[in-house]
């Protein structure tokens, strides 16, 4: 049995979970609601404020999917109760960000500002013009949006300019030495 898959997911108070016959899981909580269609090789059982996942057979695909589905269900429950947060730092002279409505206006050293539209479930705030905080109930969507923003100007290894995650470590390289020929 999958080591992660056999751990049940606790349903905190204030969270409603509904699993329909069409294999749709709906989780609703104080921060929002999420939907997920469970694959047919995995079974879900909701009982006594717990969600248990089991698989139908012992194939490699079923074993891998078992742990994945349990983790996705856990992230859904955690997302609607606490939410998820990613923090990006913008390094570079003149680099900055502003939130304008449902988009982020980034000045990253290009000849034009970059306007990045946000999905409806992702909220952004900017602190000190160089720290961008993204929040959402959907962990996968949040990670995807953060990766797309980082890809606009990835950190470069010489001066460290660009957009990086707050906990990311950039290995710096030495530049050219003046005396070498």
C-alpha atoms as a PDB file:
ATOM      1  CA  UNK A   1       0.000   0.000   0.000  1.00  0.00           C
ATOM      2  CA  UNK A   2       1.145   3.543  -0.683  1.00  0.00           C
ATOM      3  CA  UNK A   3       2.745   5.093   2.372  1.00  0.00           C
ATOM      4  CA  UNK A   4       1.049   8.433   1.740  1.00  0.00           C
ATOM      5  CA  UNK A   5      -2.161   6.934   0.389  1.00  0.00           C
ATOM      6  CA  UNK A   6      -2.973   5.000   3.538  1.00  0.00           C
ATOM      7  CA  UNK A   7      -2.916   8.137   5.719  1.00  0.00           C
ATOM      8  CA  UNK A   8      -6.421   9.539   6.063  1.00  0.00           C
ATOM      9  CA  UNK A   9      -7.134  13.243   5.569  1.00  0.00           C
ATOM     10  CA  UNK A  10      -8.855  14.971   8.480  1.00  0.00           C
ATOM     11  CA  UNK A  11     -11.729  17.320   7.709  1.00  0.00           C
ATOM     12  CA  UNK A  12     -11.557  20.366  10.013  1.00  0.00           C
ATOM     13  CA  UNK A  13     -14.691  22.038  11.325  1.00  0.00           C
ATOM     14  CA  UNK A  14     -16.161  24.554   8.900  1.00  0.00           C
ATOM     15  CA  UNK A  15     -15.200  22.505   5.825  1.00  0.00           C
ATOM     16  CA  UNK A  16     -17.849  20.723   3.749  1.00  0.00           C
ATOM     17  CA  UNK A  17     -16.808  17.779   1.566  1.00  0.00           C
ATOM     18  CA  UNK A  18     -19.092  16.233  -1.049  1.00  0.00           C
ATOM     19  CA  UNK A  19     -18.191  13.238  -3.248  1.00  0.00           C
ATOM     20  CA  UNK A  20     -20.733  12.591  -5.997  1.00  0.00           C
ATOM     21  CA  UNK A  21     -21.472   9.434  -7.987  1.00  0.00           C
ATOM     22  CA  UNK A  22     -19.855  11.051 -11.049  1.00  0.00           C
ATOM     23  CA  UNK A  23     -16.546  10.921  -9.097  1.00  0.00           C
ATOM     24  CA  UNK A  24     -16.424  14.708  -8.513  1.00  0.00           C
ATOM     25  CA  UNK A  25     -15.004  15.835  -5.178  1.00  0.00           C
ATOM     26  CA  UNK A  26     -16.192  19.250  -3.983  1.00  0.00           C
ATOM     27  CA  UNK A  27     -14.485  20.863  -0.977  1.00  0.00           C
ATOM     28  CA  UNK A  28     -15.864  24.096   0.464  1.00  0.00           C
ATOM     29  CA  UNK A  29     -14.393  26.109   3.323  1.00  0.00           C
ATOM     30  CA  UNK A  30     -13.962  29.616   4.709  1.00  0.00           C
ATOM     31  CA  UNK A  31     -11.367  30.658   2.074  1.00  0.00           C
ATOM     32  CA  UNK A  32     -13.199  29.297  -0.993  1.00  0.00           C
ATOM     33  CA  UNK A  33     -14.150  26.091  -2.775  1.00  0.00           C
ATOM     34  CA  UNK A  34     -12.339  23.614  -5.037  1.00  0.00           C
ATOM     35  CA  UNK A  35     -13.381  20.760  -7.336  1.00  0.00           C
ATOM     36  CA  UNK A  36     -11.482  17.673  -8.478  1.00  0.00           C
ATOM     37  CA  UNK A  37     -12.483  14.636 -10.547  1.00  0.00           C
ATOM     38  CA  UNK A  38     -11.086  11.497  -8.889  1.00  0.00           C
ATOM     39  CA  UNK A  39      -9.677   8.833 -11.262  1.00  0.00           C
ATOM     40  CA  UNK A  40     -11.680   5.615 -11.501  1.00  0.00           C
ATOM     41  CA  UNK A  41      -8.815   3.474 -10.120  1.00  0.00           C
ATOM     42  CA  UNK A  42      -9.051   5.250  -6.740  1.00  0.00           C
ATOM     43  CA  UNK A  43     -11.961   5.068  -4.288  1.00  0.00           C
ATOM     44  CA  UNK A  44     -12.806   7.753  -1.720  1.00  0.00           C
ATOM     45  CA  UNK A  45     -14.664   7.124   1.528  1.00  0.00           C
ATOM     46  CA  UNK A  46     -15.877   9.995   3.715  1.00  0.00           C
ATOM     47  CA  UNK A  47     -16.658   8.995   7.302  1.00  0.00           C
ATOM     48  CA  UNK A  48     -16.318  10.564  10.761  1.00  0.00           C
ATOM     49  CA  UNK A  49     -14.583  13.780   9.627  1.00  0.00           C
ATOM     50  CA  UNK A  50     -11.998  11.775   7.638  1.00  0.00           C
ATOM     51  CA  UNK A  51     -11.384  11.094   3.965  1.00  0.00           C
ATOM     52  CA  UNK A  52      -9.805   7.711   3.185  1.00  0.00           C
ATOM     53  CA  UNK A  53      -8.369   6.726  -0.190  1.00  0.00           C
ATOM     54  CA  UNK A  54      -8.086   3.149  -1.428  1.00  0.00           C
ATOM     55  CA  UNK A  55      -7.129   1.658  -4.777  1.00  0.00           C
ATOM     56  CA  UNK A  56      -8.784  -1.078  -6.817  1.00  0.00           C
ATOM     57  CA  UNK A  57      -5.708  -3.100  -7.840  1.00  0.00           C
ATOM     58  CA  UNK A  58      -1.945  -3.370  -7.283  1.00  0.00           C
ATOM     59  CA  UNK A  59      -0.613  -2.095 -10.617  1.00  0.00           C
ATOM     60  CA  UNK A  60       2.216   0.442 -10.659  1.00  0.00           C
ATOM     61  CA  UNK A  61      -0.107   3.116 -12.044  1.00  0.00           C
ATOM     62  CA  UNK A  62      -2.614   2.556  -9.249  1.00  0.00           C
ATOM     63  CA  UNK A  63       0.085   2.710  -6.598  1.00  0.00           C
ATOM     64  CA  UNK A  64       1.450   6.000  -7.947  1.00  0.00           C
ATOM     65  CA  UNK A  65      -2.006   7.518  -8.386  1.00  0.00           C
ATOM     66  CA  UNK A  66      -3.039   6.475  -4.863  1.00  0.00           C
ATOM     67  CA  UNK A  67      -0.504   8.711  -3.140  1.00  0.00           C
ATOM     68  CA  UNK A  68      -1.081  11.520  -5.642  1.00  0.00           C
ATOM     69  CA  UNK A  69      -4.845  11.625  -5.110  1.00  0.00           C
ATOM     70  CA  UNK A  70      -4.446  11.602  -1.321  1.00  0.00           C
ATOM     71  CA  UNK A  71      -2.004  14.531  -1.535  1.00  0.00           C
ATOM     72  CA  UNK A  72      -4.294  16.463  -3.880  1.00  0.00           C
ATOM     73  CA  UNK A  73      -7.234  15.937  -1.493  1.00  0.00           C
ATOM     74  CA  UNK A  74      -5.081  17.054   1.463  1.00  0.00           C
ATOM     75  CA  UNK A  75      -4.007  20.194  -0.453  1.00  0.00           C
ATOM     76  CA  UNK A  76      -7.639  20.961  -1.286  1.00  0.00           C
ATOM     77  CA  UNK A  77      -8.677  20.739   2.375  1.00  0.00           C
ATOM     78  CA  UNK A  78      -5.670  22.792   3.505  1.00  0.00           C
ATOM     79  CA  UNK A  79      -6.262  25.363   0.761  1.00  0.00           C
ATOM     80  CA  UNK A  80      -9.881  26.083   1.681  1.00  0.00           C
ATOM     81  CA  UNK A  81      -9.016  26.388   5.390  1.00  0.00           C
ATOM     82  CA  UNK A  82      -5.627  28.182   5.459  1.00  0.00           C
ATOM     83  CA  UNK A  83      -4.753  28.979   1.841  1.00  0.00           C
ATOM     84  CA  UNK A  84      -1.302  28.927   0.258  1.00  0.00           C
ATOM     85  CA  UNK A  85       1.245  31.707  -0.143  1.00  0.00           C
ATOM     86  CA  UNK A  86       4.301  32.246  -2.381  1.00  0.00           C
ATOM     87  CA  UNK A  87       6.717  35.129  -2.020  1.00  0.00           C
ATOM     88  CA  UNK A  88       8.827  36.422  -4.904  1.00  0.00           C
ATOM     89  CA  UNK A  89      11.666  38.948  -4.642  1.00  0.00           C
ATOM     90  CA  UNK A  90      12.633  41.298  -7.437  1.00  0.00           C
ATOM     91  CA  UNK A  91      16.342  42.237  -7.514  1.00  0.00           C
ATOM     92  CA  UNK A  92      17.867  44.812  -9.833  1.00  0.00           C
ATOM     93  CA  UNK A  93      18.274  48.572 -10.196  1.00  0.00           C
ATOM     94  CA  UNK A  94      14.932  50.053 -11.223  1.00  0.00           C
ATOM     95  CA  UNK A  95      13.094  46.708 -11.118  1.00  0.00           C
ATOM     96  CA  UNK A  96       9.710  46.983  -9.409  1.00  0.00           C
ATOM     97  CA  UNK A  97       6.137  45.724  -9.367  1.00  0.00           C
ATOM     98  CA  UNK A  98       2.672  47.213  -8.906  1.00  0.00           C
ATOM     99  CA  UNK A  99      -0.720  45.571  -8.588  1.00  0.00           C
ATOM    100  CA  UNK A 100      -3.321  47.191 -10.848  1.00  0.00           C
ATOM    101  CA  UNK A 101      -6.741  45.582 -10.536  1.00  0.00           C
ATOM    102  CA  UNK A 102      -6.473  41.923 -11.529  1.00  0.00           C
ATOM    103  CA  UNK A 103      -2.997  42.185 -13.041  1.00  0.00           C
ATOM    104  CA  UNK A 104       0.583  42.879 -12.027  1.00  0.00           C
ATOM    105  CA  UNK A 105       2.572  45.613 -13.770  1.00  0.00           C
ATOM    106  CA  UNK A 106       6.287  44.677 -13.731  1.00  0.00           C
ATOM    107  CA  UNK A 107       9.194  46.893 -14.711  1.00  0.00           C
ATOM    108  CA  UNK A 108      12.099  44.491 -15.310  1.00  0.00           C
ATOM    109  CA  UNK A 109      14.646  46.374 -17.383  1.00  0.00           C
ATOM    110  CA  UNK A 110      12.940  45.801 -20.730  1.00  0.00           C
ATOM    111  CA  UNK A 111      12.056  48.683 -23.036  1.00  0.00           C
ATOM    112  CA  UNK A 112       8.425  48.264 -21.959  1.00  0.00           C
ATOM    113  CA  UNK A 113       6.576  47.349 -18.756  1.00  0.00           C
ATOM    114  CA  UNK A 114       5.253  43.787 -18.546  1.00  0.00           C
ATOM    115  CA  UNK A 115       1.562  43.424 -17.674  1.00  0.00           C
ATOM    116  CA  UNK A 116       0.856  39.973 -16.153  1.00  0.00           C
ATOM    117  CA  UNK A 117      -2.862  39.075 -15.797  1.00  0.00           C
ATOM    118  CA  UNK A 118      -3.772  37.068 -12.684  1.00  0.00           C
ATOM    119  CA  UNK A 119      -6.309  34.217 -12.586  1.00  0.00           C
ATOM    120  CA  UNK A 120      -9.441  35.100 -10.570  1.00  0.00           C
ATOM    121  CA  UNK A 121      -8.512  32.870  -7.598  1.00  0.00           C
ATOM    122  CA  UNK A 122      -4.986  34.302  -7.153  1.00  0.00           C
ATOM    123  CA  UNK A 123      -4.492  37.515  -5.147  1.00  0.00           C
ATOM    124  CA  UNK A 124      -1.294  39.557  -5.225  1.00  0.00           C
ATOM    125  CA  UNK A 125       0.158  42.199  -2.930  1.00  0.00           C
ATOM    126  CA  UNK A 126       3.388  44.165  -3.267  1.00  0.00           C
ATOM    127  CA  UNK A 127       5.578  45.288  -0.378  1.00  0.00           C
ATOM    128  CA  UNK A 128       8.344  47.882  -0.836  1.00  0.00           C
ATOM    129  CA  UNK A 129       7.951  47.678  -4.662  1.00  0.00           C
ATOM    130  CA  UNK A 130      10.258  44.617  -4.778  1.00  0.00           C
ATOM    131  CA  UNK A 131       8.499  41.892  -2.785  1.00  0.00           C
ATOM    132  CA  UNK A 132       5.552  40.203  -4.467  1.00  0.00           C
ATOM    133  CA  UNK A 133       3.252  38.008  -2.349  1.00  0.00           C
ATOM    134  CA  UNK A 134       0.831  35.674  -4.141  1.00  0.00           C
ATOM    135  CA  UNK A 135      -2.038  33.928  -2.311  1.00  0.00           C
ATOM    136  CA  UNK A 136      -4.556  31.319  -3.453  1.00  0.00           C
ATOM    137  CA  UNK A 137      -6.591  28.324  -2.297  1.00  0.00           C
ATOM    138  CA  UNK A 138      -5.299  26.191  -5.207  1.00  0.00           C
ATOM    139  CA  UNK A 139      -1.684  25.128  -4.600  1.00  0.00           C
ATOM    140  CA  UNK A 140      -1.030  23.910  -8.155  1.00  0.00           C
ATOM    141  CA  UNK A 141      -2.388  27.077  -9.764  1.00  0.00           C
ATOM    142  CA  UNK A 142      -0.402  29.253  -7.338  1.00  0.00           C
ATOM    143  CA  UNK A 143       2.843  27.428  -8.142  1.00  0.00           C
ATOM    144  CA  UNK A 144       2.157  27.706 -11.871  1.00  0.00           C
ATOM    145  CA  UNK A 145       1.503  31.469 -11.684  1.00  0.00           C
ATOM    146  CA  UNK A 146       4.626  32.027  -9.556  1.00  0.00           C
ATOM    147  CA  UNK A 147       6.737  30.038 -12.030  1.00  0.00           C
ATOM    148  CA  UNK A 148       5.389  32.051 -14.975  1.00  0.00           C
ATOM    149  CA  UNK A 149       6.172  35.344 -13.214  1.00  0.00           C
ATOM    150  CA  UNK A 150       9.677  34.111 -12.343  1.00  0.00           C
ATOM    151  CA  UNK A 151      10.218  33.062 -15.981  1.00  0.00           C
ATOM    152  CA  UNK A 152       9.681  36.670 -17.136  1.00  0.00           C
ATOM    153  CA  UNK A 153      13.164  37.556 -15.813  1.00  0.00           C
ATOM    154  CA  UNK A 154      14.915  34.587 -14.153  1.00  0.00           C
ATOM    155  CA  UNK A 155      17.790  35.422 -11.802  1.00  0.00           C
ATOM    156  CA  UNK A 156      21.134  35.599 -13.549  1.00  0.00           C
ATOM    157  CA  UNK A 157      24.277  34.176 -11.890  1.00  0.00           C
ATOM    158  CA  UNK A 158      26.627  37.180 -12.171  1.00  0.00           C
ATOM    159  CA  UNK A 159      24.859  40.057 -10.450  1.00  0.00           C
ATOM    160  CA  UNK A 160      21.797  38.154  -9.192  1.00  0.00           C
ATOM    161  CA  UNK A 161      19.327  40.426 -11.018  1.00  0.00           C
ATOM    162  CA  UNK A 162      15.878  39.055 -11.773  1.00  0.00           C
ATOM    163  CA  UNK A 163      12.863  37.522 -10.054  1.00  0.00           C
ATOM    164  CA  UNK A 164      13.456  34.756  -7.513  1.00  0.00           C
ATOM    165  CA  UNK A 165      11.513  32.897  -4.854  1.00  0.00           C
ATOM    166  CA  UNK A 166      12.196  34.275  -1.371  1.00  0.00           C
ATOM    167  CA  UNK A 167      13.768  31.000  -0.212  1.00  0.00           C
ATOM    168  CA  UNK A 168      15.706  30.370  -3.450  1.00  0.00           C
ATOM    169  CA  UNK A 169      19.507  30.378  -3.373  1.00  0.00           C
ATOM    170  CA  UNK A 170      21.280  31.565  -6.514  1.00  0.00           C
ATOM    171  CA  UNK A 171      24.808  30.276  -7.054  1.00  0.00           C
ATOM    172  CA  UNK A 172      26.858  33.290  -8.056  1.00  0.00           C
ATOM    173  CA  UNK A 173      29.656  33.143 -10.596  1.00  0.00           C
ATOM    174  CA  UNK A 174      32.793  35.244 -10.662  1.00  0.00           C
ATOM    175  CA  UNK A 175      32.886  37.734 -13.500  1.00  0.00           C
ATOM    176  CA  UNK A 176      35.799  38.298 -15.874  1.00  0.00           C
ATOM    177  CA  UNK A 177      39.071  39.143 -14.185  1.00  0.00           C
ATOM    178  CA  UNK A 178      40.728  42.317 -15.482  1.00  0.00           C
ATOM    179  CA  UNK A 179      44.291  40.938 -15.618  1.00  0.00           C
ATOM    180  CA  UNK A 180      43.589  37.758 -17.631  1.00  0.00           C
ATOM    181  CA  UNK A 181      44.654  37.712 -21.314  1.00  0.00           C
END
